[in-house]
PDB file of all heavy atoms in Angstrom:
ATOM      1  N   VAL A   1     -45.175  -8.901  76.409  1.00  0.00           N
ATOM      2  CA  VAL A   1     -44.754 -10.044  75.732  1.00  0.00           C
ATOM      3  C   VAL A   1     -44.499  -9.764  74.256  1.00  0.00           C
ATOM      4  O   VAL A   1     -43.528 -10.203  73.682  1.00  0.00           O
ATOM      5  CB  VAL A   1     -45.773 -11.195  75.942  1.00  0.00           C
ATOM      6  CG1 VAL A   1     -45.491 -12.361  75.039  1.00  0.00           C
ATOM      7  CG2 VAL A   1     -45.830 -11.620  77.396  1.00  0.00           C
ATOM      8  N   ASN A   2     -45.478  -9.049  73.686  1.00  0.00           N
ATOM      9  CA  ASN A   2     -45.313  -8.675  72.240  1.00  0.00           C
ATOM     10  C   ASN A   2     -44.023  -7.845  71.991  1.00  0.00           C
ATOM     11  O   ASN A   2     -43.290  -8.122  71.059  1.00  0.00           O
ATOM     12  CB  ASN A   2     -46.560  -7.908  71.822  1.00  0.00           C
ATOM     13  CG  ASN A   2     -46.624  -7.711  70.265  1.00  0.00           C
ATOM     14  OD1 ASN A   2     -47.561  -7.064  69.777  1.00  0.00           O
ATOM     15  ND2 ASN A   2     -45.722  -8.331  69.558  1.00  0.00           N
ATOM     16  N   LEU A   3     -43.785  -6.877  72.847  1.00  0.00           N
ATOM     17  CA  LEU A   3     -42.612  -6.037  72.678  1.00  0.00           C
ATOM     18  C   LEU A   3     -41.347  -6.857  72.887  1.00  0.00           C
ATOM     19  O   LEU A   3     -40.389  -6.726  72.085  1.00  0.00           O
ATOM     20  CB  LEU A   3     -42.626  -4.849  73.699  1.00  0.00           C
ATOM     21  CG  LEU A   3     -43.663  -3.794  73.385  1.00  0.00           C
ATOM     22  CD1 LEU A   3     -43.774  -2.888  74.589  1.00  0.00           C
ATOM     23  CD2 LEU A   3     -43.173  -2.969  72.197  1.00  0.00           C
ATOM     24  N   LEU A   4     -41.283  -7.706  73.930  1.00  0.00           N
ATOM     25  CA  LEU A   4     -40.076  -8.506  74.195  1.00  0.00           C
ATOM     26  C   LEU A   4     -39.837  -9.453  73.046  1.00  0.00           C
ATOM     27  O   LEU A   4     -38.708  -9.588  72.525  1.00  0.00           O
ATOM     28  CB  LEU A   4     -40.340  -9.246  75.505  1.00  0.00           C
ATOM     29  CG  LEU A   4     -39.130 -10.223  75.869  1.00  0.00           C
ATOM     30  CD1 LEU A   4     -37.798  -9.445  76.041  1.00  0.00           C
ATOM     31  CD2 LEU A   4     -39.460 -10.974  77.146  1.00  0.00           C
ATOM     32  N   LEU A   5     -40.897 -10.172  72.604  1.00  0.00           N
ATOM     33  CA  LEU A   5     -40.653 -11.167  71.504  1.00  0.00           C
ATOM     34  C   LEU A   5     -40.295 -10.398  70.175  1.00  0.00           C
ATOM     35  O   LEU A   5     -39.437 -10.917  69.431  1.00  0.00           O
ATOM     36  CB  LEU A   5     -41.976 -11.921  71.206  1.00  0.00           C
ATOM     37  CG  LEU A   5     -42.302 -13.037  72.238  1.00  0.00           C
ATOM     38  CD1 LEU A   5     -43.631 -13.690  71.873  1.00  0.00           C
ATOM     39  CD2 LEU A   5     -41.198 -14.078  72.324  1.00  0.00           C
ATOM     40  N   GLY A   6     -40.916  -9.257  69.987  1.00  0.00           N
ATOM     41  CA  GLY A   6     -40.534  -8.488  68.774  1.00  0.00           C
ATOM     42  C   GLY A   6     -39.059  -8.070  68.762  1.00  0.00           C
ATOM     43  O   GLY A   6     -38.434  -8.204  67.704  1.00  0.00           O
ATOM     44  N   VAL A   7     -38.573  -7.625  69.901  1.00  0.00           N
ATOM     45  CA  VAL A   7     -37.159  -7.243  69.987  1.00  0.00           C
ATOM     46  C   VAL A   7     -36.268  -8.496  69.758  1.00  0.00           C
ATOM     47  O   VAL A   7     -35.230  -8.382  69.053  1.00  0.00           O
ATOM     48  CB  VAL A   7     -36.867  -6.600  71.362  1.00  0.00           C
ATOM     49  CG1 VAL A   7     -35.365  -6.373  71.549  1.00  0.00           C
ATOM     50  CG2 VAL A   7     -37.604  -5.267  71.432  1.00  0.00           C
ATOM     51  N   VAL A   8     -36.615  -9.585  70.365  1.00  0.00           N
ATOM     52  CA  VAL A   8     -35.822 -10.862  70.202  1.00  0.00           C
ATOM     53  C   VAL A   8     -35.820 -11.253  68.761  1.00  0.00           C
ATOM     54  O   VAL A   8     -34.727 -11.589  68.224  1.00  0.00           O
ATOM     55  CB  VAL A   8     -36.411 -11.960  71.061  1.00  0.00           C
ATOM     56  CG1 VAL A   8     -35.819 -13.289  70.732  1.00  0.00           C
ATOM     57  CG2 VAL A   8     -36.278 -11.636  72.569  1.00  0.00           C
ATOM     58  N   PHE A   9     -36.945 -11.252  68.059  1.00  0.00           N
ATOM     59  CA  PHE A   9     -37.008 -11.655  66.689  1.00  0.00           C
ATOM     60  C   PHE A   9     -36.214 -10.703  65.754  1.00  0.00           C
ATOM     61  O   PHE A   9     -35.612 -11.113  64.804  1.00  0.00           O
ATOM     62  CB  PHE A   9     -38.456 -11.769  66.239  1.00  0.00           C
ATOM     63  CG  PHE A   9     -39.095 -13.118  66.537  1.00  0.00           C
ATOM     64  CD1 PHE A   9     -40.337 -13.109  67.173  1.00  0.00           C
ATOM     65  CD2 PHE A   9     -38.496 -14.266  66.214  1.00  0.00           C
ATOM     66  CE1 PHE A   9     -40.956 -14.364  67.492  1.00  0.00           C
ATOM     67  CE2 PHE A   9     -39.059 -15.536  66.531  1.00  0.00           C
ATOM     68  CZ  PHE A   9     -40.356 -15.530  67.174  1.00  0.00           C
ATOM     69  N   LEU A  10     -36.246  -9.431  66.091  1.00  0.00           N
ATOM     70  CA  LEU A  10     -35.502  -8.450  65.352  1.00  0.00           C
ATOM     71  C   LEU A  10     -33.976  -8.776  65.439  1.00  0.00           C
ATOM     72  O   LEU A  10     -33.190  -8.570  64.544  1.00  0.00           O
ATOM     73  CB  LEU A  10     -35.747  -7.026  65.832  1.00  0.00           C
ATOM     74  CG  LEU A  10     -37.027  -6.358  65.261  1.00  0.00           C
ATOM     75  CD1 LEU A  10     -37.164  -4.972  65.902  1.00  0.00           C
ATOM     76  CD2 LEU A  10     -36.957  -6.272  63.783  1.00  0.00           C
ATOM     77  N   GLY A  11     -33.566  -9.350  66.653  1.00  0.00           N
ATOM     78  CA  GLY A  11     -32.189  -9.606  66.862  1.00  0.00           C
ATOM     79  C   GLY A  11     -31.692 -10.890  66.245  1.00  0.00           C
ATOM     80  O   GLY A  11     -30.569 -10.988  65.833  1.00  0.00           O
ATOM     81  N   VAL A  12     -32.586 -11.940  66.144  1.00  0.00           N
ATOM     82  CA  VAL A  12     -32.209 -13.233  65.656  1.00  0.00           C
ATOM     83  C   VAL A  12     -32.628 -13.554  64.254  1.00  0.00           C
ATOM     84  O   VAL A  12     -32.065 -14.450  63.609  1.00  0.00           O
ATOM     85  CB  VAL A  12     -32.680 -14.311  66.609  1.00  0.00           C
ATOM     86  CG1 VAL A  12     -32.121 -14.116  68.048  1.00  0.00           C
ATOM     87  CG2 VAL A  12     -34.212 -14.485  66.629  1.00  0.00           C
ATOM     88  N   GLU A  13     -33.598 -12.821  63.655  1.00  0.00           N
ATOM     89  CA  GLU A  13     -34.089 -13.026  62.333  1.00  0.00           C
ATOM     90  C   GLU A  13     -33.674 -11.916  61.398  1.00  0.00           C
ATOM     91  O   GLU A  13     -33.564 -10.717  61.797  1.00  0.00           O
ATOM     92  CB  GLU A  13     -35.590 -13.170  62.355  1.00  0.00           C
ATOM     93  CG  GLU A  13     -36.180 -14.407  62.985  1.00  0.00           C
ATOM     94  CD  GLU A  13     -35.921 -15.628  62.096  1.00  0.00           C
ATOM     95  OE1 GLU A  13     -36.021 -15.574  60.916  1.00  0.00           O
ATOM     96  OE2 GLU A  13     -35.555 -16.687  62.705  1.00  0.00           O
ATOM     97  N   ASP A  14     -33.428 -12.278  60.159  1.00  0.00           N
ATOM     98  CA  ASP A  14     -33.040 -11.283  59.114  1.00  0.00           C
ATOM     99  C   ASP A  14     -34.310 -10.706  58.545  1.00  0.00           C
ATOM    100  O   ASP A  14     -34.681 -11.024  57.403  1.00  0.00           O
ATOM    101  CB  ASP A  14     -32.202 -11.940  58.064  1.00  0.00           C
ATOM    102  CG  ASP A  14     -31.748 -10.951  57.054  1.00  0.00           C
ATOM    103  OD1 ASP A  14     -31.720  -9.744  57.353  1.00  0.00           O
ATOM    104  OD2 ASP A  14     -31.423 -11.407  55.892  1.00  0.00           O
ATOM    105  N   LEU A  15     -34.996  -9.881  59.290  1.00  0.00           N
ATOM    106  CA  LEU A  15     -36.246  -9.270  58.847  1.00  0.00           C
ATOM    107  C   LEU A  15     -36.019  -7.787  58.476  1.00  0.00           C
ATOM    108  O   LEU A  15     -35.681  -6.996  59.350  1.00  0.00           O
ATOM    109  CB  LEU A  15     -37.341  -9.359  59.922  1.00  0.00           C
ATOM    110  CG  LEU A  15     -37.981 -10.729  60.151  1.00  0.00           C
ATOM    111  CD1 LEU A  15     -38.927 -10.623  61.374  1.00  0.00           C
ATOM    112  CD2 LEU A  15     -38.740 -11.218  58.944  1.00  0.00           C
ATOM    113  N   PRO A  16     -36.212  -7.452  57.225  1.00  0.00           N
ATOM    114  CA  PRO A  16     -35.912  -6.048  56.824  1.00  0.00           C
ATOM    115  C   PRO A  16     -37.156  -5.134  57.114  1.00  0.00           C
ATOM    116  O   PRO A  16     -37.542  -4.323  56.315  1.00  0.00           O
ATOM    117  CB  PRO A  16     -35.749  -6.203  55.313  1.00  0.00           C
ATOM    118  CG  PRO A  16     -36.556  -7.354  54.957  1.00  0.00           C
ATOM    119  CD  PRO A  16     -36.522  -8.309  56.102  1.00  0.00           C
ATOM    120  N   VAL A  17     -37.689  -5.288  58.328  1.00  0.00           N
ATOM    121  CA  VAL A  17     -38.911  -4.498  58.671  1.00  0.00           C
ATOM    122  C   VAL A  17     -38.599  -3.030  58.796  1.00  0.00           C
ATOM    123  O   VAL A  17     -39.276  -2.175  58.250  1.00  0.00           O
ATOM    124  CB  VAL A  17     -39.529  -5.051  59.995  1.00  0.00           C
ATOM    125  CG1 VAL A  17     -40.719  -4.252  60.358  1.00  0.00           C
ATOM    126  CG2 VAL A  17     -39.944  -6.496  59.796  1.00  0.00           C
ATOM    127  N   LEU A  18     -37.496  -2.747  59.504  1.00  0.00           N
ATOM    128  CA  LEU A  18     -37.173  -1.340  59.799  1.00  0.00           C
ATOM    129  C   LEU A  18     -36.542  -0.633  58.647  1.00  0.00           C
ATOM    130  O   LEU A  18     -36.290   0.598  58.712  1.00  0.00           O
ATOM    131  CB  LEU A  18     -36.259  -1.299  61.028  1.00  0.00           C
ATOM    132  CG  LEU A  18     -36.851  -1.899  62.358  1.00  0.00           C
ATOM    133  CD1 LEU A  18     -35.844  -1.801  63.463  1.00  0.00           C
ATOM    134  CD2 LEU A  18     -38.121  -1.172  62.695  1.00  0.00           C
ATOM    135  N   GLU A  19     -36.225  -1.333  57.554  1.00  0.00           N
ATOM    136  CA  GLU A  19     -35.683  -0.737  56.377  1.00  0.00           C
ATOM    137  C   GLU A  19     -36.727  -0.103  55.539  1.00  0.00           C
ATOM    138  O   GLU A  19     -36.418   0.600  54.590  1.00  0.00           O
ATOM    139  CB  GLU A  19     -34.898  -1.817  55.582  1.00  0.00           C
ATOM    140  CG  GLU A  19     -33.711  -2.408  56.335  1.00  0.00           C
ATOM    141  CD  GLU A  19     -33.078  -3.544  55.593  1.00  0.00           C
ATOM    142  OE1 GLU A  19     -33.446  -3.688  54.390  1.00  0.00           O
ATOM    143  OE2 GLU A  19     -32.267  -4.251  56.192  1.00  0.00           O
ATOM    144  N   GLY A  20     -37.993  -0.403  55.812  1.00  0.00           N
ATOM    145  CA  GLY A  20     -39.072   0.129  54.969  1.00  0.00           C
ATOM    146  C   GLY A  20     -39.391   1.534  55.236  1.00  0.00           C
ATOM    147  O   GLY A  20     -39.425   1.985  56.376  1.00  0.00           O
ATOM    148  N   ASN A  21     -39.551   2.314  54.152  1.00  0.00           N
ATOM    149  CA  ASN A  21     -39.962   3.661  54.239  1.00  0.00           C
ATOM    150  C   ASN A  21     -41.464   3.735  53.817  1.00  0.00           C
ATOM    151  O   ASN A  21     -41.835   3.200  52.769  1.00  0.00           O
ATOM    152  CB  ASN A  21     -39.168   4.540  53.249  1.00  0.00           C
ATOM    153  CG  ASN A  21     -39.539   6.018  53.277  1.00  0.00           C
ATOM    154  OD1 ASN A  21     -40.649   6.331  52.725  1.00  0.00           O
ATOM    155  ND2 ASN A  21     -38.773   6.846  53.909  1.00  0.00           N
ATOM    156  N   LEU A  22     -42.269   4.308  54.695  1.00  0.00           N
ATOM    157  CA  LEU A  22     -43.736   4.250  54.451  1.00  0.00           C
ATOM    158  C   LEU A  22     -44.152   4.838  53.104  1.00  0.00           C
ATOM    159  O   LEU A  22     -45.043   4.366  52.422  1.00  0.00           O
ATOM    160  CB  LEU A  22     -44.530   4.916  55.636  1.00  0.00           C
ATOM    161  CG  LEU A  22     -44.369   4.183  56.960  1.00  0.00           C
ATOM    162  CD1 LEU A  22     -45.174   4.933  58.018  1.00  0.00           C
ATOM    163  CD2 LEU A  22     -44.850   2.738  56.854  1.00  0.00           C
ATOM    164  N   ASP A  23     -43.477   5.959  52.751  1.00  0.00           N
ATOM    165  CA  ASP A  23     -43.820   6.587  51.439  1.00  0.00           C
ATOM    166  C   ASP A  23     -43.418   5.700  50.333  1.00  0.00           C
ATOM    167  O   ASP A  23     -44.208   5.565  49.329  1.00  0.00           O
ATOM    168  CB  ASP A  23     -43.104   7.914  51.373  1.00  0.00           C
ATOM    169  CG  ASP A  23     -43.612   8.982  52.293  1.00  0.00           C
ATOM    170  OD1 ASP A  23     -44.805   8.900  52.639  1.00  0.00           O
ATOM    171  OD2 ASP A  23     -42.838   9.864  52.708  1.00  0.00           O
ATOM    172  N   THR A  24     -42.250   5.030  50.394  1.00  0.00           N
ATOM    173  CA  THR A  24     -41.841   4.128  49.355  1.00  0.00           C
ATOM    174  C   THR A  24     -42.799   2.913  49.276  1.00  0.00           C
ATOM    175  O   THR A  24     -43.157   2.467  48.192  1.00  0.00           O
ATOM    176  CB  THR A  24     -40.446   3.618  49.615  1.00  0.00           C
ATOM    177  OG1 THR A  24     -39.567   4.699  49.711  1.00  0.00           O
ATOM    178  CG2 THR A  24     -39.960   2.692  48.504  1.00  0.00           C
TER     179      THR A  24
END
């Protein structure tokens, strides 16, 4: 459920989560 909802929210929300670089 967490994985499915996470993928859905990544598709419908403008969340710059994956743009983050951990070192930065």
